[in-house]
C-alpha cells in the first residue's frame, strides 16, 4: 500500500461517515477492496468516469475535512509520542543501578502506555 492510499484510508476511517452513501461505497471498493474503476463501474452500472468523479469528490472532501480539523495529524503525532514514551519507559527498566521502586514505577508506566495505545 503506497503512502497516499494509506493516508486516504486513514482519512476514510476517521471521516468516512461524513461522505454520501455512494461516496463511501465506491471509495471503499476502490481503496480498501482494491477494485479498479472499471470493475466498480460495471458493478454499479455507471461509467468509469462517473466512478472516478465520485471517488475524487470523496477524496477531496476527506482532505478538506482533515485540513480544517487536523484530527488525523494530531492522532498520528499522539501515537508517535506514546510510542516514544513507551520506548523510554522500557529503557528505564533496563537501567542497572535502578532501585526496585523505580523499576516498579517504570513497569507500571509501560503497562499504562500499552493500554492507552490500544
N, C-alpha and C. Protein backbone atom coordinates (compact mmCIF):
# COMPACT_ATOMS: atom_id res chain seq x y z
N UNK A 1 0.85 -1.17 0.00
CA UNK A 1 0.00 0.00 0.00
C UNK A 1 0.90 1.24 0.00
N UNK A 2 0.70 2.13 -0.97
CA UNK A 2 1.53 3.33 -1.02
C UNK A 2 1.07 4.36 0.03
N UNK A 3 1.88 5.38 0.22
CA UNK A 3 1.62 6.38 1.27
C UNK A 3 0.29 7.11 1.05
N UNK A 4 -0.02 7.44 -0.19
CA UNK A 4 -1.26 8.18 -0.46
C UNK A 4 -2.49 7.31 -0.19
N UNK A 5 -2.42 6.05 -0.56
CA UNK A 5 -3.53 5.14 -0.28
C UNK A 5 -3.71 4.97 1.23
N UNK A 6 -2.60 4.83 1.94
CA UNK A 6 -2.66 4.72 3.40
C UNK A 6 -3.27 5.98 4.00
N UNK A 7 -2.84 7.13 3.53
CA UNK A 7 -3.39 8.40 4.02
C UNK A 7 -4.89 8.48 3.77
N UNK A 8 -5.32 8.14 2.56
CA UNK A 8 -6.75 8.19 2.23
C UNK A 8 -7.54 7.20 3.07
N UNK A 9 -6.98 6.03 3.31
CA UNK A 9 -7.66 5.03 4.12
C UNK A 9 -7.83 5.51 5.56
N UNK A 10 -6.80 6.18 6.07
CA UNK A 10 -6.91 6.73 7.42
C UNK A 10 -7.96 7.84 7.47
N UNK A 11 -7.96 8.70 6.47
CA UNK A 11 -8.98 9.76 6.42
C UNK A 11 -10.37 9.15 6.37
N UNK A 12 -10.50 8.09 5.58
CA UNK A 12 -11.79 7.41 5.46
C UNK A 12 -12.21 6.81 6.80
N UNK A 13 -11.27 6.20 7.51
CA UNK A 13 -11.57 5.62 8.81
C UNK A 13 -12.07 6.67 9.79
N UNK A 14 -11.48 7.84 9.75
CA UNK A 14 -11.86 8.90 10.67
C UNK A 14 -13.14 9.63 10.24
N UNK A 15 -13.26 9.91 8.94
CA UNK A 15 -14.32 10.80 8.46
C UNK A 15 -15.29 10.18 7.46
N UNK A 16 -15.16 8.89 7.20
CA UNK A 16 -15.98 8.24 6.17
C UNK A 16 -17.47 8.43 6.36
N UNK A 17 -17.92 8.50 7.60
CA UNK A 17 -19.35 8.66 7.86
C UNK A 17 -19.89 10.00 7.39
N UNK A 18 -19.01 10.93 7.09
CA UNK A 18 -19.44 12.25 6.61
C UNK A 18 -19.66 12.28 5.09
N UNK A 19 -19.28 11.21 4.41
CA UNK A 19 -19.48 11.12 2.96
C UNK A 19 -20.88 10.62 2.65
N UNK A 20 -21.28 10.79 1.40
CA UNK A 20 -22.56 10.23 0.97
C UNK A 20 -22.43 8.71 0.90
N UNK A 21 -23.55 8.04 0.83
CA UNK A 21 -23.53 6.58 0.77
C UNK A 21 -22.73 6.08 -0.44
N UNK A 22 -22.96 6.69 -1.62
CA UNK A 22 -22.23 6.27 -2.82
C UNK A 22 -20.75 6.56 -2.71
N UNK A 23 -20.42 7.72 -2.16
CA UNK A 23 -19.01 8.04 -1.98
C UNK A 23 -18.33 7.02 -1.08
N UNK A 24 -18.99 6.67 0.03
CA UNK A 24 -18.44 5.67 0.95
C UNK A 24 -18.26 4.32 0.24
N UNK A 25 -19.30 3.91 -0.47
CA UNK A 25 -19.27 2.60 -1.13
C UNK A 25 -18.16 2.53 -2.18
N UNK A 26 -18.10 3.52 -3.07
CA UNK A 26 -17.12 3.49 -4.16
C UNK A 26 -15.70 3.68 -3.62
N UNK A 27 -15.55 4.57 -2.64
CA UNK A 27 -14.25 4.78 -2.02
C UNK A 27 -13.75 3.48 -1.40
N UNK A 28 -14.61 2.81 -0.66
CA UNK A 28 -14.24 1.56 -0.01
C UNK A 28 -13.85 0.50 -1.04
N UNK A 29 -14.64 0.37 -2.09
CA UNK A 29 -14.34 -0.62 -3.12
C UNK A 29 -12.99 -0.33 -3.79
N UNK A 30 -12.73 0.94 -4.02
CA UNK A 30 -11.51 1.33 -4.73
C UNK A 30 -10.27 1.25 -3.84
N UNK A 31 -10.33 1.85 -2.68
CA UNK A 31 -9.14 1.93 -1.82
C UNK A 31 -8.96 0.72 -0.91
N UNK A 32 -10.04 0.19 -0.37
CA UNK A 32 -9.92 -0.90 0.60
C UNK A 32 -10.06 -2.28 -0.03
N UNK A 33 -10.94 -2.41 -1.01
CA UNK A 33 -11.14 -3.70 -1.68
C UNK A 33 -10.28 -3.85 -2.93
N UNK A 34 -9.61 -2.76 -3.32
CA UNK A 34 -8.68 -2.75 -4.45
C UNK A 34 -9.33 -3.10 -5.79
N UNK A 35 -10.59 -2.71 -5.96
CA UNK A 35 -11.25 -2.89 -7.25
C UNK A 35 -10.85 -1.74 -8.18
N UNK A 36 -10.80 -2.02 -9.46
CA UNK A 36 -10.48 -0.97 -10.43
C UNK A 36 -11.72 -0.11 -10.67
N UNK A 37 -11.50 1.05 -11.28
CA UNK A 37 -12.62 1.92 -11.63
C UNK A 37 -13.58 1.18 -12.57
N UNK A 38 -13.03 0.43 -13.49
CA UNK A 38 -13.86 -0.33 -14.44
C UNK A 38 -14.71 -1.37 -13.72
N UNK A 39 -14.11 -2.08 -12.78
CA UNK A 39 -14.85 -3.11 -12.03
C UNK A 39 -15.99 -2.48 -11.22
N UNK A 40 -15.71 -1.35 -10.61
CA UNK A 40 -16.74 -0.67 -9.83
C UNK A 40 -17.84 -0.17 -10.75
N UNK A 41 -17.46 0.39 -11.89
CA UNK A 41 -18.45 0.91 -12.86
C UNK A 41 -19.36 -0.21 -13.36
N UNK A 42 -18.79 -1.36 -13.67
CA UNK A 42 -19.60 -2.49 -14.13
C UNK A 42 -20.55 -2.95 -13.04
N UNK A 43 -20.05 -3.01 -11.83
CA UNK A 43 -20.86 -3.45 -10.69
C UNK A 43 -21.99 -2.47 -10.41
N UNK A 44 -21.70 -1.15 -10.56
CA UNK A 44 -22.68 -0.11 -10.24
C UNK A 44 -23.58 0.24 -11.42
N UNK A 45 -23.18 -0.18 -12.60
CA UNK A 45 -23.98 0.14 -13.79
C UNK A 45 -23.85 1.59 -14.22
N UNK A 46 -22.68 2.19 -13.96
CA UNK A 46 -22.42 3.56 -14.42
C UNK A 46 -21.10 3.58 -15.17
N UNK A 47 -20.73 4.74 -15.69
CA UNK A 47 -19.49 4.83 -16.45
C UNK A 47 -18.28 4.86 -15.52
N UNK A 48 -17.15 4.51 -16.10
CA UNK A 48 -15.89 4.58 -15.38
C UNK A 48 -15.63 6.01 -14.92
N UNK A 49 -15.93 6.98 -15.79
CA UNK A 49 -15.75 8.39 -15.45
C UNK A 49 -16.64 8.80 -14.28
N UNK A 50 -17.84 8.27 -14.24
CA UNK A 50 -18.75 8.56 -13.13
C UNK A 50 -18.19 8.07 -11.81
N UNK A 51 -17.62 6.86 -11.82
CA UNK A 51 -16.99 6.31 -10.61
C UNK A 51 -15.81 7.18 -10.21
N UNK A 52 -14.99 7.53 -11.18
CA UNK A 52 -13.82 8.37 -10.92
C UNK A 52 -14.23 9.69 -10.27
N UNK A 53 -15.26 10.33 -10.81
CA UNK A 53 -15.72 11.61 -10.28
C UNK A 53 -16.19 11.48 -8.83
N UNK A 54 -16.93 10.42 -8.54
CA UNK A 54 -17.45 10.22 -7.18
C UNK A 54 -16.30 9.98 -6.20
N UNK A 55 -15.35 9.15 -6.58
CA UNK A 55 -14.21 8.86 -5.71
C UNK A 55 -13.36 10.12 -5.52
N UNK A 56 -13.14 10.86 -6.59
CA UNK A 56 -12.35 12.09 -6.50
C UNK A 56 -13.01 13.10 -5.58
N UNK A 57 -14.33 13.25 -5.67
CA UNK A 57 -15.05 14.17 -4.77
C UNK A 57 -14.93 13.70 -3.32
N UNK A 58 -15.01 12.40 -3.10
CA UNK A 58 -14.87 11.86 -1.75
C UNK A 58 -13.48 12.15 -1.20
N UNK A 59 -12.46 11.89 -2.00
CA UNK A 59 -11.09 12.16 -1.57
C UNK A 59 -10.89 13.64 -1.24
N UNK A 60 -11.43 14.50 -2.09
CA UNK A 60 -11.31 15.94 -1.86
C UNK A 60 -12.02 16.33 -0.56
N UNK A 61 -13.20 15.79 -0.35
CA UNK A 61 -13.95 16.09 0.87
C UNK A 61 -13.18 15.66 2.12
N UNK A 62 -12.65 14.44 2.08
CA UNK A 62 -11.89 13.93 3.22
C UNK A 62 -10.66 14.79 3.50
N UNK A 63 -9.95 15.18 2.44
CA UNK A 63 -8.76 16.01 2.59
C UNK A 63 -9.11 17.39 3.16
N UNK A 64 -10.23 17.94 2.71
CA UNK A 64 -10.65 19.25 3.22
C UNK A 64 -11.04 19.18 4.70
N UNK A 65 -11.72 18.11 5.09
CA UNK A 65 -12.09 17.94 6.50
C UNK A 65 -10.83 17.84 7.35
N UNK A 66 -9.86 17.06 6.90
CA UNK A 66 -8.61 16.93 7.65
C UNK A 66 -7.87 18.26 7.71
N UNK A 67 -7.85 18.99 6.62
CA UNK A 67 -7.19 20.29 6.60
C UNK A 67 -7.80 21.23 7.63
N UNK A 68 -9.11 21.19 7.76
CA UNK A 68 -9.80 22.07 8.71
C UNK A 68 -9.67 21.60 10.15
N UNK A 69 -9.66 20.30 10.37
CA UNK A 69 -9.68 19.78 11.74
C UNK A 69 -8.31 19.34 12.25
N UNK A 70 -7.49 18.78 11.38
CA UNK A 70 -6.19 18.25 11.78
C UNK A 70 -6.28 17.03 12.68
N UNK A 71 -7.42 16.36 12.70
CA UNK A 71 -7.63 15.24 13.61
C UNK A 71 -6.66 14.09 13.33
N UNK A 72 -6.50 13.71 12.09
CA UNK A 72 -5.62 12.58 11.76
C UNK A 72 -4.16 12.95 12.06
N UNK A 73 -3.77 14.16 11.74
CA UNK A 73 -2.41 14.62 12.06
C UNK A 73 -2.17 14.57 13.56
N UNK A 74 -3.12 15.09 14.33
CA UNK A 74 -2.98 15.09 15.80
C UNK A 74 -2.94 13.66 16.34
N UNK A 75 -3.78 12.78 15.78
CA UNK A 75 -3.79 11.38 16.20
C UNK A 75 -2.44 10.75 15.92
N UNK A 76 -1.89 10.99 14.72
CA UNK A 76 -0.60 10.41 14.35
C UNK A 76 0.52 10.92 15.26
N UNK A 77 0.50 12.21 15.56
CA UNK A 77 1.51 12.78 16.45
C UNK A 77 1.40 12.20 17.85
N UNK A 78 0.18 12.06 18.34
CA UNK A 78 -0.03 11.48 19.68
C UNK A 78 0.44 10.04 19.71
N UNK A 79 0.14 9.30 18.67
CA UNK A 79 0.57 7.90 18.59
C UNK A 79 2.10 7.81 18.62
N UNK A 80 2.77 8.69 17.88
CA UNK A 80 4.24 8.70 17.86
C UNK A 80 4.79 9.07 19.25
N UNK A 81 4.16 10.02 19.90
CA UNK A 81 4.59 10.41 21.25
C UNK A 81 4.42 9.26 22.24
N UNK A 82 3.31 8.54 22.13
CA UNK A 82 3.09 7.39 23.00
C UNK A 82 4.13 6.30 22.76
N UNK A 83 4.45 6.06 21.50
CA UNK A 83 5.48 5.07 21.16
C UNK A 83 6.82 5.47 21.78
N UNK A 84 7.16 6.75 21.67
CA UNK A 84 8.42 7.25 22.22
C UNK A 84 8.42 7.11 23.75
N UNK A 85 7.32 7.49 24.39
CA UNK A 85 7.23 7.39 25.85
C UNK A 85 7.36 5.94 26.31
N UNK A 86 6.74 5.03 25.58
CA UNK A 86 6.84 3.61 25.94
C UNK A 86 8.27 3.11 25.78
N UNK A 87 8.92 3.54 24.72
CA UNK A 87 10.31 3.14 24.48
C UNK A 87 11.21 3.65 25.61
N UNK A 88 11.01 4.89 26.01
CA UNK A 88 11.81 5.46 27.11
C UNK A 88 11.54 4.73 28.42
N UNK A 89 10.28 4.40 28.67
CA UNK A 89 9.94 3.67 29.90
C UNK A 89 10.60 2.29 29.90
N UNK A 90 10.64 1.65 28.75
CA UNK A 90 11.31 0.34 28.67
C UNK A 90 12.82 0.47 28.91
N UNK A 91 13.40 1.58 28.43
CA UNK A 91 14.82 1.82 28.70
C UNK A 91 15.06 1.98 30.19
N UNK A 92 14.15 2.66 30.87
CA UNK A 92 14.28 2.84 32.32
C UNK A 92 14.32 1.50 33.04
N UNK A 93 13.53 0.56 32.55
CA UNK A 93 13.50 -0.77 33.17
C UNK A 93 14.86 -1.48 33.08
N UNK A 94 15.65 -1.11 32.10
CA UNK A 94 16.93 -1.78 31.86
C UNK A 94 18.10 -1.13 32.57
N UNK A 95 17.87 0.00 33.23
CA UNK A 95 18.97 0.68 33.92
C UNK A 95 19.52 -0.22 35.03
N UNK A 96 20.83 -0.42 35.05
CA UNK A 96 21.42 -1.36 36.01
C UNK A 96 21.38 -0.88 37.47
N UNK A 97 21.43 0.41 37.70
CA UNK A 97 21.50 0.91 39.07
C UNK A 97 20.15 1.33 39.64
N UNK A 98 19.07 1.04 38.95
CA UNK A 98 17.75 1.47 39.41
C UNK A 98 17.32 0.63 40.60
N UNK A 99 16.74 1.30 41.61
CA UNK A 99 16.24 0.54 42.75
C UNK A 99 14.90 -0.10 42.40
N UNK A 100 14.40 -0.97 43.25
CA UNK A 100 13.21 -1.76 42.93
C UNK A 100 11.97 -0.88 42.78
N UNK A 101 11.84 0.18 43.57
CA UNK A 101 10.67 1.08 43.47
C UNK A 101 10.65 1.77 42.11
N UNK A 102 11.82 2.18 41.67
CA UNK A 102 11.96 2.82 40.37
C UNK A 102 11.54 1.86 39.26
N UNK A 103 11.98 0.62 39.36
CA UNK A 103 11.63 -0.40 38.35
C UNK A 103 10.13 -0.68 38.34
N UNK A 104 9.52 -0.69 39.52
CA UNK A 104 8.07 -0.91 39.60
C UNK A 104 7.32 0.21 38.91
N UNK A 105 7.73 1.45 39.17
CA UNK A 105 7.08 2.61 38.55
C UNK A 105 7.26 2.58 37.04
N UNK A 106 8.46 2.28 36.58
CA UNK A 106 8.71 2.20 35.13
C UNK A 106 7.86 1.10 34.50
N UNK A 107 7.74 -0.04 35.18
CA UNK A 107 6.91 -1.13 34.68
C UNK A 107 5.45 -0.74 34.59
N UNK A 108 4.96 -0.03 35.61
CA UNK A 108 3.57 0.44 35.58
C UNK A 108 3.35 1.44 34.45
N UNK A 109 4.35 2.28 34.23
CA UNK A 109 4.27 3.25 33.13
C UNK A 109 4.18 2.54 31.78
N UNK A 110 4.99 1.52 31.58
CA UNK A 110 4.94 0.74 30.33
C UNK A 110 3.55 0.14 30.14
N UNK A 111 3.00 -0.46 31.17
CA UNK A 111 1.67 -1.07 31.07
C UNK A 111 0.60 -0.02 30.76
N UNK A 112 0.67 1.14 31.42
CA UNK A 112 -0.31 2.20 31.18
C UNK A 112 -0.23 2.68 29.74
N UNK A 113 0.97 2.86 29.22
CA UNK A 113 1.13 3.31 27.84
C UNK A 113 0.63 2.27 26.85
N UNK A 114 0.85 1.00 27.14
CA UNK A 114 0.33 -0.06 26.27
C UNK A 114 -1.18 -0.04 26.23
N UNK A 115 -1.82 0.20 27.39
CA UNK A 115 -3.28 0.26 27.43
C UNK A 115 -3.81 1.46 26.64
N UNK A 116 -3.14 2.58 26.74
CA UNK A 116 -3.56 3.78 26.00
C UNK A 116 -3.48 3.54 24.50
N UNK A 117 -2.44 2.88 24.06
CA UNK A 117 -2.25 2.65 22.62
C UNK A 117 -3.29 1.73 22.01
N UNK A 118 -3.93 0.91 22.81
CA UNK A 118 -4.94 0.00 22.27
C UNK A 118 -6.11 0.80 21.91
